[in-house]
């Protein structure tokens, strides 16, 4: 799906996650809670692919296809 940067930054990134505990910080010998981070859009160092029209997509899974309302 092609998104603007603002739309992308509201999506959860399945590739970026970190551990926190109940108090919100990582501490030694405490149980961790896995937390996902939102998409970094053009700040992403791995996958963001931008188009000329200002929209883009996450390239980790390849180019999006099969969206009839989206043009190539």
C-alpha atoms as a PDB file:
ATOM      1  CA  UNK A   1       0.000   0.000   0.000  1.00  0.00           C
ATOM      2  CA  UNK A   2       1.348   3.418  -0.933  1.00  0.00           C
ATOM      3  CA  UNK A   3       1.201   5.912   1.940  1.00  0.00           C
ATOM      4  CA  UNK A   4       2.225   9.481   2.576  1.00  0.00           C
ATOM      5  CA  UNK A   5       4.941   9.917   5.194  1.00  0.00           C
ATOM      6  CA  UNK A   6       2.380  11.153   7.739  1.00  0.00           C
ATOM      7  CA  UNK A   7       0.182   8.089   7.144  1.00  0.00           C
ATOM      8  CA  UNK A   8       3.175   5.738   7.338  1.00  0.00           C
ATOM      9  CA  UNK A   9       4.345   7.192  10.653  1.00  0.00           C
ATOM     10  CA  UNK A  10       1.028   6.108  12.203  1.00  0.00           C
ATOM     11  CA  UNK A  11       1.571   2.449  11.253  1.00  0.00           C
ATOM     12  CA  UNK A  12       3.299  -0.146  13.441  1.00  0.00           C
ATOM     13  CA  UNK A  13       6.604  -1.414  12.073  1.00  0.00           C
ATOM     14  CA  UNK A  14       6.937  -5.195  12.533  1.00  0.00           C
ATOM     15  CA  UNK A  15      10.723  -4.973  12.191  1.00  0.00           C
ATOM     16  CA  UNK A  16      11.474  -2.450  14.965  1.00  0.00           C
ATOM     17  CA  UNK A  17      10.796  -3.499  18.536  1.00  0.00           C
ATOM     18  CA  UNK A  18      12.391  -3.050  21.901  1.00  0.00           C
ATOM     19  CA  UNK A  19      11.941  -4.249  25.460  1.00  0.00           C
ATOM     20  CA  UNK A  20      10.579  -2.245  28.360  1.00  0.00           C
ATOM     21  CA  UNK A  21       9.292  -3.192  31.773  1.00  0.00           C
ATOM     22  CA  UNK A  22       6.257  -1.958  33.728  1.00  0.00           C
ATOM     23  CA  UNK A  23       7.967   1.319  34.617  1.00  0.00           C
ATOM     24  CA  UNK A  24       8.813   2.022  30.957  1.00  0.00           C
ATOM     25  CA  UNK A  25      12.570   1.489  31.087  1.00  0.00           C
ATOM     26  CA  UNK A  26      14.929  -1.431  30.609  1.00  0.00           C
ATOM     27  CA  UNK A  27      16.380  -2.552  33.928  1.00  0.00           C
ATOM     28  CA  UNK A  28      18.617  -5.405  34.909  1.00  0.00           C
ATOM     29  CA  UNK A  29      16.880  -8.619  36.041  1.00  0.00           C
ATOM     30  CA  UNK A  30      13.314  -7.482  35.472  1.00  0.00           C
ATOM     31  CA  UNK A  31      10.799  -9.014  33.121  1.00  0.00           C
ATOM     32  CA  UNK A  32      10.608  -7.305  29.760  1.00  0.00           C
ATOM     33  CA  UNK A  33       7.579  -6.387  27.681  1.00  0.00           C
ATOM     34  CA  UNK A  34       8.074  -6.371  23.925  1.00  0.00           C
ATOM     35  CA  UNK A  35       6.919  -3.101  22.346  1.00  0.00           C
ATOM     36  CA  UNK A  36       6.749  -2.231  18.662  1.00  0.00           C
ATOM     37  CA  UNK A  37       7.689   1.151  17.317  1.00  0.00           C
ATOM     38  CA  UNK A  38       5.878   3.091  14.613  1.00  0.00           C
ATOM     39  CA  UNK A  39       7.174   3.376  11.055  1.00  0.00           C
ATOM     40  CA  UNK A  40      10.042   5.812  10.559  1.00  0.00           C
ATOM     41  CA  UNK A  41       9.099   6.510   6.900  1.00  0.00           C
ATOM     42  CA  UNK A  42      11.925   8.399   5.149  1.00  0.00           C
ATOM     43  CA  UNK A  43      14.049   8.221   8.317  1.00  0.00           C
ATOM     44  CA  UNK A  44      14.148   4.423   7.989  1.00  0.00           C
ATOM     45  CA  UNK A  45      17.641   3.142   7.236  1.00  0.00           C
ATOM     46  CA  UNK A  46      16.427  -0.190   5.866  1.00  0.00           C
ATOM     47  CA  UNK A  47      13.312  -0.146   3.779  1.00  0.00           C
ATOM     48  CA  UNK A  48      11.412   3.061   2.975  1.00  0.00           C
ATOM     49  CA  UNK A  49      10.992   3.475  -0.781  1.00  0.00           C
ATOM     50  CA  UNK A  50       9.637   6.835  -1.961  1.00  0.00           C
ATOM     51  CA  UNK A  51       7.936   7.677  -5.237  1.00  0.00           C
ATOM     52  CA  UNK A  52       7.896  10.927  -7.188  1.00  0.00           C
ATOM     53  CA  UNK A  53       4.359  11.805  -5.992  1.00  0.00           C
ATOM     54  CA  UNK A  54       5.385  12.011  -2.331  1.00  0.00           C
ATOM     55  CA  UNK A  55       3.998   8.610  -1.388  1.00  0.00           C
ATOM     56  CA  UNK A  56       6.046   5.560  -0.545  1.00  0.00           C
ATOM     57  CA  UNK A  57       6.019   2.040   0.842  1.00  0.00           C
ATOM     58  CA  UNK A  58       7.994  -0.306   3.070  1.00  0.00           C
ATOM     59  CA  UNK A  59      10.363  -2.209   0.819  1.00  0.00           C
ATOM     60  CA  UNK A  60      11.109  -5.015   3.294  1.00  0.00           C
ATOM     61  CA  UNK A  61       8.296  -7.097   1.801  1.00  0.00           C
ATOM     62  CA  UNK A  62       8.774  -5.997  -1.797  1.00  0.00           C
ATOM     63  CA  UNK A  63       6.832  -3.647  -4.030  1.00  0.00           C
ATOM     64  CA  UNK A  64       3.091  -3.544  -3.288  1.00  0.00           C
ATOM     65  CA  UNK A  65       0.848  -5.065  -5.945  1.00  0.00           C
ATOM     66  CA  UNK A  66      -2.775  -6.023  -6.199  1.00  0.00           C
ATOM     67  CA  UNK A  67      -4.266  -2.699  -5.135  1.00  0.00           C
ATOM     68  CA  UNK A  68      -6.741  -1.834  -7.900  1.00  0.00           C
ATOM     69  CA  UNK A  69      -7.176   1.769  -6.738  1.00  0.00           C
ATOM     70  CA  UNK A  70      -3.413   2.428  -6.757  1.00  0.00           C
ATOM     71  CA  UNK A  71      -1.498   3.215  -9.896  1.00  0.00           C
ATOM     72  CA  UNK A  72       2.012   1.966 -10.560  1.00  0.00           C
END
